[in-house]
C-alpha cells in the first residue's frame, strides 16, 4: 500500500473503526442478525431468546446505535430498535478498497520478486 492514503472511500477510518469495534462482539453480531429481517424489536423481544438481561441487551444496543448500526424509535413506553443497513454497506465498501490495495501491493511484490 502506498503512503498517499487510501483510495476514495465514502467511509472515514474513524467510522469504519466504530463499526468494526461494534461488530467485534458476538452478542452484538447476534443482535444485528436478529434485526436483519427488517423488523423492529423491543429490548424485551431481543432479550427473550437469550440468557442476557434486558439491561445487558440495552448496553449492547447502545454500542450498535453509537456506531450507526441500529436506530431507536420510541413506541409508547418501549423503544423499538431496527437495523440501519447503510453502515454495513459502507464497511463492506471500505473492506473492498483495502482488499484492492493489498492485492495491488502483493502484485507489486510478486513482480519485484520475479525480476
Protein backbone atom coordinates (compact mmCIF):
# COMPACT_ATOMS: atom_id res chain seq x y z
CA UNK A 1 0.00 0.00 0.00
CA UNK A 2 1.25 3.44 -0.80
CA UNK A 3 1.68 6.23 1.66
CA UNK A 4 -0.52 8.51 -0.43
CA UNK A 5 -3.51 7.37 1.61
CA UNK A 6 -6.43 5.08 0.89
CA UNK A 7 -8.37 5.22 -2.35
CA UNK A 8 -11.52 7.32 -2.41
CA UNK A 9 -13.95 5.86 0.04
CA UNK A 10 -17.30 7.00 1.42
CA UNK A 11 -16.44 5.97 4.95
CA UNK A 12 -13.81 7.56 7.16
CA UNK A 13 -11.33 5.43 9.06
CA UNK A 14 -12.92 6.52 12.36
CA UNK A 15 -16.38 5.47 11.19
CA UNK A 16 -15.05 2.14 9.97
CA UNK A 17 -13.29 1.56 13.28
CA UNK A 18 -16.50 2.27 15.21
CA UNK A 19 -18.48 -0.14 13.04
CA UNK A 20 -15.87 -2.90 13.28
CA UNK A 21 -15.50 -2.38 17.03
CA UNK A 22 -19.26 -2.62 17.50
CA UNK A 23 -19.31 -5.82 15.44
CA UNK A 24 -16.35 -7.22 17.36
CA UNK A 25 -18.62 -8.75 19.98
CA UNK A 26 -20.56 -11.97 19.29
CA UNK A 27 -23.61 -10.73 21.19
CA UNK A 28 -23.81 -7.58 19.07
CA UNK A 29 -23.35 -9.59 15.87
CA UNK A 30 -26.24 -11.81 17.03
CA UNK A 31 -28.40 -8.73 17.68
CA UNK A 32 -27.63 -7.42 14.18
CA UNK A 33 -28.60 -10.84 12.85
CA UNK A 34 -31.87 -10.77 14.76
CA UNK A 35 -32.70 -7.35 13.31
CA UNK A 36 -31.56 -8.18 9.79
CA UNK A 37 -35.02 -9.26 8.65
CA UNK A 38 -36.05 -5.61 8.64
CA UNK A 39 -38.42 -5.71 11.58
CA UNK A 40 -38.06 -3.52 14.64
CA UNK A 41 -37.88 -5.21 18.02
CA UNK A 42 -38.12 -4.09 21.59
CA UNK A 43 -35.44 -4.79 24.15
CA UNK A 44 -37.77 -7.34 25.75
CA UNK A 45 -38.18 -9.16 22.42
CA UNK A 46 -34.43 -9.14 21.79
CA UNK A 47 -33.69 -10.47 25.30
CA UNK A 48 -36.40 -13.14 25.19
CA UNK A 49 -34.39 -15.84 23.41
CA UNK A 50 -31.09 -15.23 25.14
CA UNK A 51 -29.51 -15.61 28.54
CA UNK A 52 -28.89 -11.86 28.61
CA UNK A 53 -30.78 -9.49 30.83
CA UNK A 54 -32.67 -6.58 29.32
CA UNK A 55 -30.03 -4.29 30.82
CA UNK A 56 -27.24 -6.18 29.05
CA UNK A 57 -29.13 -6.09 25.73
CA UNK A 58 -29.66 -2.35 26.24
CA UNK A 59 -25.93 -1.77 26.68
CA UNK A 60 -25.13 -3.72 23.52
CA UNK A 61 -27.80 -1.83 21.58
CA UNK A 62 -26.33 1.47 22.76
CA UNK A 63 -22.96 0.48 21.27
CA UNK A 64 -24.63 -0.51 17.99
CA UNK A 65 -26.61 2.73 17.96
CA UNK A 66 -23.48 4.82 18.59
CA UNK A 67 -21.88 3.13 15.56
CA UNK A 68 -24.98 3.90 13.47
CA UNK A 69 -25.86 0.23 13.02
CA UNK A 70 -29.27 0.44 14.67
CA UNK A 71 -31.85 3.14 15.11
CA UNK A 72 -34.13 3.59 18.09
CA UNK A 73 -37.73 4.74 17.96
CA UNK A 74 -39.94 5.29 20.96
CA UNK A 75 -43.23 3.37 20.81
CA UNK A 76 -45.16 4.23 23.93
CA UNK A 77 -43.08 3.19 26.91
CA UNK A 78 -40.81 0.93 24.88
CA UNK A 79 -38.01 1.60 22.47
CA UNK A 80 -38.06 -0.24 19.16
CA UNK A 81 -34.70 -0.98 17.55
CA UNK A 82 -34.22 -1.52 13.84
CA UNK A 83 -31.17 -2.32 11.77
CA UNK A 84 -29.68 0.53 9.79
CA UNK A 85 -28.01 -1.33 6.90
CA UNK A 86 -26.12 1.58 5.34
CA UNK A 87 -23.14 1.37 7.73
CA UNK A 88 -22.78 -2.32 6.86
CA UNK A 89 -22.70 -1.45 3.16
CA UNK A 90 -20.17 1.30 3.87
CA UNK A 91 -17.99 -1.10 5.88
CA UNK A 92 -18.12 -3.65 3.06
CA UNK A 93 -17.02 -0.99 0.56
CA UNK A 94 -14.23 0.02 2.94
CA UNK A 95 -13.01 -3.58 3.08
CA UNK A 96 -13.18 -3.84 -0.70
CA UNK A 97 -10.91 -0.79 -1.02
CA UNK A 98 -8.46 -2.26 1.49
CA UNK A 99 -8.60 -5.59 -0.34
CA UNK A 100 -7.79 -3.92 -3.68
CA UNK A 101 -4.88 -2.04 -2.08
CA UNK A 102 -3.45 -5.27 -0.64
CA UNK A 103 -3.90 -7.10 -3.94
CA UNK A 104 -2.03 -4.30 -5.72
CA UNK A 105 0.75 -4.36 -3.11
CA UNK A 106 1.07 -8.14 -3.40
CA UNK A 107 1.11 -7.85 -7.19
CA UNK A 108 3.95 -5.32 -7.00
CA UNK A 109 5.84 -7.57 -4.58
CA UNK A 110 5.36 -10.58 -6.85
CA UNK A 111 6.63 -8.58 -9.86
CA UNK A 112 9.63 -7.41 -7.89
CA UNK A 113 10.50 -10.93 -6.75
CA UNK A 114 10.14 -12.34 -10.27
CA UNK A 115 12.63 -9.83 -11.70
